[in-house]
Amino acid sequence: MTQLAIKLQPGASADRIEGWETDPSGRAVLKIRLRARPIEGQANEALVKFLAKALDLPKSAVTLARGSQSRLKMVEIAGLDDAALRARFAVAAN
């Protein structure tokens, strides 16, 4: 299981992966914009679905581990290591 740090911007004009950023502590963070609003967990649910589709994984393989009330989230991805995860995002971003 791989952990992935996400910086989520809900309420965007389109669902898309913005790319990798580095937070002040030096950790790689994937910036994602989603149309879903942060109301009653809608953005969190949309994030799980979006990641599963982008990574070509079942929805059950993606779990929100931390950050349900924050823009900074930690997601656990089952079935992929770090290298495979980055490779799939490289394909999804194109």
N, C-alpha and C. Protein backbone atom coordinates (compact mmCIF):
# COMPACT_ATOMS: atom_id res chain seq x y z
N MET A 1 0.84 -1.17 0.00
CA MET A 1 0.00 0.00 0.00
C MET A 1 0.89 1.24 0.00
N THR A 2 0.56 2.18 -0.84
CA THR A 2 1.31 3.41 -0.99
C THR A 2 0.49 4.58 -0.46
N GLN A 3 1.15 5.51 0.20
CA GLN A 3 0.48 6.72 0.65
C GLN A 3 0.80 7.85 -0.31
N LEU A 4 -0.20 8.67 -0.57
CA LEU A 4 -0.07 9.77 -1.51
C LEU A 4 -0.61 11.04 -0.87
N ALA A 5 0.23 12.07 -0.81
CA ALA A 5 -0.20 13.37 -0.28
C ALA A 5 -0.87 14.15 -1.41
N ILE A 6 -2.03 14.70 -1.11
CA ILE A 6 -2.83 15.42 -2.10
C ILE A 6 -3.12 16.83 -1.60
N LYS A 7 -3.01 17.81 -2.47
CA LYS A 7 -3.50 19.16 -2.20
C LYS A 7 -4.72 19.33 -3.10
N LEU A 8 -5.89 19.38 -2.51
CA LEU A 8 -7.14 19.40 -3.26
C LEU A 8 -7.72 20.80 -3.33
N GLN A 9 -8.13 21.19 -4.54
CA GLN A 9 -8.87 22.43 -4.71
C GLN A 9 -10.27 22.08 -5.20
N PRO A 10 -11.24 22.09 -4.30
CA PRO A 10 -12.62 21.81 -4.71
C PRO A 10 -13.24 23.04 -5.37
N GLY A 11 -14.34 22.82 -6.08
CA GLY A 11 -15.06 23.92 -6.72
C GLY A 11 -14.37 24.47 -7.95
N ALA A 12 -13.52 23.70 -8.58
CA ALA A 12 -12.81 24.14 -9.78
C ALA A 12 -13.74 24.06 -11.00
N SER A 13 -13.30 24.60 -12.10
CA SER A 13 -14.11 24.58 -13.31
C SER A 13 -14.08 23.23 -14.02
N ALA A 14 -13.06 22.42 -13.72
CA ALA A 14 -12.94 21.09 -14.35
C ALA A 14 -12.15 20.18 -13.42
N ASP A 15 -12.36 18.87 -13.57
CA ASP A 15 -11.58 17.89 -12.82
C ASP A 15 -10.26 17.67 -13.56
N ARG A 16 -9.15 17.90 -12.84
CA ARG A 16 -7.85 17.68 -13.50
C ARG A 16 -6.72 17.58 -12.49
N ILE A 17 -5.66 16.95 -12.94
CA ILE A 17 -4.42 16.84 -12.18
C ILE A 17 -3.55 18.02 -12.59
N GLU A 18 -3.15 18.81 -11.61
CA GLU A 18 -2.32 19.99 -11.89
C GLU A 18 -0.84 19.62 -11.96
N GLY A 19 -0.44 18.61 -11.20
CA GLY A 19 0.96 18.20 -11.20
C GLY A 19 1.52 18.11 -9.80
N TRP A 20 2.80 17.84 -9.74
CA TRP A 20 3.49 17.64 -8.45
C TRP A 20 4.03 18.96 -7.94
N GLU A 21 3.90 19.17 -6.63
CA GLU A 21 4.48 20.32 -5.94
C GLU A 21 5.28 19.77 -4.77
N THR A 22 6.07 20.63 -4.16
CA THR A 22 6.80 20.26 -2.96
C THR A 22 6.33 21.16 -1.84
N ASP A 23 5.92 20.57 -0.72
CA ASP A 23 5.46 21.38 0.41
C ASP A 23 6.68 21.90 1.18
N PRO A 24 6.49 22.80 2.14
CA PRO A 24 7.63 23.37 2.87
C PRO A 24 8.52 22.35 3.56
N SER A 25 7.99 21.18 3.89
CA SER A 25 8.83 20.16 4.54
C SER A 25 9.58 19.30 3.53
N GLY A 26 9.39 19.55 2.22
CA GLY A 26 10.11 18.82 1.19
C GLY A 26 9.38 17.60 0.66
N ARG A 27 8.16 17.39 1.11
CA ARG A 27 7.36 16.23 0.69
C ARG A 27 6.68 16.53 -0.66
N ALA A 28 6.68 15.53 -1.53
CA ALA A 28 5.99 15.66 -2.82
C ALA A 28 4.47 15.59 -2.59
N VAL A 29 3.75 16.54 -3.18
CA VAL A 29 2.30 16.63 -3.03
C VAL A 29 1.70 16.77 -4.41
N LEU A 30 0.69 15.95 -4.70
CA LEU A 30 0.01 16.02 -5.99
C LEU A 30 -1.15 16.99 -5.89
N LYS A 31 -1.16 18.01 -6.74
CA LYS A 31 -2.24 19.01 -6.73
C LYS A 31 -3.33 18.56 -7.70
N ILE A 32 -4.55 18.51 -7.19
CA ILE A 32 -5.71 18.07 -7.98
C ILE A 32 -6.82 19.09 -7.81
N ARG A 33 -7.48 19.43 -8.91
CA ARG A 33 -8.66 20.31 -8.90
C ARG A 33 -9.88 19.47 -9.26
N LEU A 34 -10.95 19.66 -8.49
CA LEU A 34 -12.20 18.94 -8.75
C LEU A 34 -13.38 19.90 -8.74
N ARG A 35 -14.39 19.59 -9.54
CA ARG A 35 -15.60 20.42 -9.60
C ARG A 35 -16.44 20.28 -8.34
N ALA A 36 -16.37 19.15 -7.67
CA ALA A 36 -17.20 18.89 -6.49
C ALA A 36 -16.94 19.94 -5.41
N ARG A 37 -18.00 20.29 -4.70
CA ARG A 37 -17.92 21.26 -3.61
C ARG A 37 -17.58 20.54 -2.30
N PRO A 38 -16.94 21.24 -1.37
CA PRO A 38 -16.61 20.62 -0.09
C PRO A 38 -17.79 20.64 0.88
N ILE A 39 -18.89 20.08 0.44
CA ILE A 39 -20.11 20.05 1.25
C ILE A 39 -20.48 18.60 1.51
N GLU A 40 -20.63 18.25 2.79
CA GLU A 40 -21.06 16.91 3.21
C GLU A 40 -20.22 15.80 2.58
N GLY A 41 -18.92 16.02 2.44
CA GLY A 41 -18.02 14.99 1.95
C GLY A 41 -18.04 14.78 0.44
N GLN A 42 -18.73 15.65 -0.29
CA GLN A 42 -18.81 15.47 -1.75
C GLN A 42 -17.44 15.53 -2.42
N ALA A 43 -16.60 16.46 -2.00
CA ALA A 43 -15.27 16.58 -2.61
C ALA A 43 -14.40 15.36 -2.28
N ASN A 44 -14.51 14.84 -1.06
CA ASN A 44 -13.74 13.65 -0.69
C ASN A 44 -14.17 12.44 -1.52
N GLU A 45 -15.46 12.25 -1.67
CA GLU A 45 -15.98 11.14 -2.48
C GLU A 45 -15.54 11.29 -3.94
N ALA A 46 -15.63 12.52 -4.45
CA ALA A 46 -15.21 12.76 -5.84
C ALA A 46 -13.71 12.50 -6.01
N LEU A 47 -12.92 12.84 -5.00
CA LEU A 47 -11.47 12.60 -5.06
C LEU A 47 -11.18 11.11 -5.16
N VAL A 48 -11.83 10.30 -4.34
CA VAL A 48 -11.62 8.85 -4.37
C VAL A 48 -11.98 8.30 -5.74
N LYS A 49 -13.13 8.69 -6.28
CA LYS A 49 -13.56 8.22 -7.60
C LYS A 49 -12.59 8.68 -8.69
N PHE A 50 -12.17 9.95 -8.62
CA PHE A 50 -11.26 10.51 -9.62
C PHE A 50 -9.92 9.78 -9.62
N LEU A 51 -9.36 9.55 -8.43
CA LEU A 51 -8.08 8.85 -8.34
C LEU A 51 -8.19 7.42 -8.84
N ALA A 52 -9.26 6.72 -8.47
CA ALA A 52 -9.44 5.35 -8.93
C ALA A 52 -9.50 5.29 -10.45
N LYS A 53 -10.24 6.21 -11.06
CA LYS A 53 -10.35 6.23 -12.52
C LYS A 53 -9.00 6.60 -13.16
N ALA A 54 -8.33 7.62 -12.62
CA ALA A 54 -7.05 8.06 -13.18
C ALA A 54 -5.98 6.98 -13.10
N LEU A 55 -6.04 6.17 -12.04
CA LEU A 55 -5.04 5.12 -11.84
C LEU A 55 -5.47 3.77 -12.39
N ASP A 56 -6.66 3.71 -12.97
CA ASP A 56 -7.22 2.46 -13.51
C ASP A 56 -7.26 1.38 -12.43
N LEU A 57 -7.82 1.76 -11.28
CA LEU A 57 -7.96 0.85 -10.15
C LEU A 57 -9.42 0.82 -9.71
N PRO A 58 -9.83 -0.23 -9.00
CA PRO A 58 -11.18 -0.22 -8.44
C PRO A 58 -11.26 0.84 -7.34
N LYS A 59 -12.43 1.39 -7.13
CA LYS A 59 -12.64 2.42 -6.11
C LYS A 59 -12.23 1.91 -4.73
N SER A 60 -12.38 0.62 -4.48
CA SER A 60 -12.04 0.05 -3.18
C SER A 60 -10.54 0.08 -2.90
N ALA A 61 -9.71 0.32 -3.92
CA ALA A 61 -8.26 0.37 -3.74
C ALA A 61 -7.78 1.74 -3.26
N VAL A 62 -8.67 2.73 -3.24
CA VAL A 62 -8.32 4.10 -2.86
C VAL A 62 -9.06 4.45 -1.57
N THR A 63 -8.31 4.86 -0.55
CA THR A 63 -8.89 5.18 0.76
C THR A 63 -8.37 6.52 1.24
N LEU A 64 -9.28 7.37 1.70
CA LEU A 64 -8.88 8.63 2.32
C LEU A 64 -8.45 8.34 3.75
N ALA A 65 -7.15 8.47 4.03
CA ALA A 65 -6.61 8.12 5.34
C ALA A 65 -6.64 9.29 6.32
N ARG A 66 -6.36 10.50 5.83
CA ARG A 66 -6.34 11.69 6.69
C ARG A 66 -6.75 12.91 5.87
N GLY A 67 -7.27 13.91 6.59
CA GLY A 67 -7.55 15.19 5.95
C GLY A 67 -8.95 15.37 5.42
N SER A 68 -9.92 14.69 5.98
CA SER A 68 -11.28 14.79 5.44
C SER A 68 -11.84 16.21 5.54
N GLN A 69 -11.34 17.03 6.45
CA GLN A 69 -11.81 18.40 6.61
C GLN A 69 -10.78 19.43 6.14
N SER A 70 -9.76 18.98 5.43
CA SER A 70 -8.65 19.85 5.03
C SER A 70 -8.41 19.76 3.53
N ARG A 71 -7.75 20.75 2.98
CA ARG A 71 -7.35 20.68 1.57
C ARG A 71 -6.16 19.74 1.39
N LEU A 72 -5.35 19.58 2.44
CA LEU A 72 -4.23 18.65 2.39
C LEU A 72 -4.71 17.30 2.90
N LYS A 73 -4.59 16.29 2.05
CA LYS A 73 -5.13 14.97 2.35
C LYS A 73 -4.05 13.91 2.18
N MET A 74 -4.22 12.81 2.87
CA MET A 74 -3.36 11.65 2.69
C MET A 74 -4.26 10.51 2.23
N VAL A 75 -3.93 9.96 1.08
CA VAL A 75 -4.71 8.89 0.47
C VAL A 75 -3.84 7.64 0.42
N GLU A 76 -4.45 6.50 0.72
CA GLU A 76 -3.75 5.22 0.61
C GLU A 76 -4.23 4.51 -0.64
N ILE A 77 -3.26 4.03 -1.42
CA ILE A 77 -3.53 3.34 -2.68
C ILE A 77 -3.05 1.90 -2.54
N ALA A 78 -3.94 0.96 -2.67
CA ALA A 78 -3.58 -0.46 -2.58
C ALA A 78 -3.22 -0.99 -3.95
N GLY A 79 -2.22 -1.83 -4.01
CA GLY A 79 -1.87 -2.52 -5.25
C GLY A 79 -0.83 -1.83 -6.11
N LEU A 80 -0.29 -0.68 -5.67
CA LEU A 80 0.74 0.01 -6.44
C LEU A 80 1.87 0.44 -5.53
N ASP A 81 3.11 0.37 -6.03
CA ASP A 81 4.22 0.95 -5.29
C ASP A 81 4.43 2.38 -5.77
N ASP A 82 5.37 3.10 -5.17
CA ASP A 82 5.59 4.51 -5.50
C ASP A 82 5.93 4.71 -6.98
N ALA A 83 6.80 3.86 -7.53
CA ALA A 83 7.21 4.01 -8.93
C ALA A 83 6.03 3.80 -9.88
N ALA A 84 5.23 2.78 -9.63
CA ALA A 84 4.07 2.52 -10.48
C ALA A 84 3.04 3.64 -10.36
N LEU A 85 2.89 4.18 -9.17
CA LEU A 85 1.96 5.28 -8.95
C LEU A 85 2.36 6.50 -9.77
N ARG A 86 3.62 6.87 -9.70
CA ARG A 86 4.10 8.04 -10.48
C ARG A 86 4.00 7.79 -11.98
N ALA A 87 4.27 6.57 -12.41
CA ALA A 87 4.17 6.25 -13.83
C ALA A 87 2.72 6.38 -14.32
N ARG A 88 1.78 5.92 -13.52
CA ARG A 88 0.37 6.02 -13.92
C ARG A 88 -0.10 7.47 -13.94
N PHE A 89 0.39 8.29 -13.01
CA PHE A 89 0.01 9.70 -13.05
C PHE A 89 0.62 10.40 -14.24
N ALA A 90 1.81 10.00 -14.64
CA ALA A 90 2.42 10.59 -15.83
C ALA A 90 1.57 10.31 -17.05
N VAL A 91 1.02 9.11 -17.16
CA VAL A 91 0.15 8.75 -18.27
C VAL A 91 -1.18 9.50 -18.17
N ALA A 92 -1.76 9.57 -16.96
CA ALA A 92 -3.05 10.22 -16.76
C ALA A 92 -2.99 11.71 -17.04
N ALA A 93 -1.85 12.33 -16.80
CA ALA A 93 -1.71 13.78 -17.01
C ALA A 93 -1.62 14.14 -18.48
N ASN A 94 -1.29 13.18 -19.32
CA ASN A 94 -1.14 13.47 -20.77
C ASN A 94 -2.44 13.30 -21.52
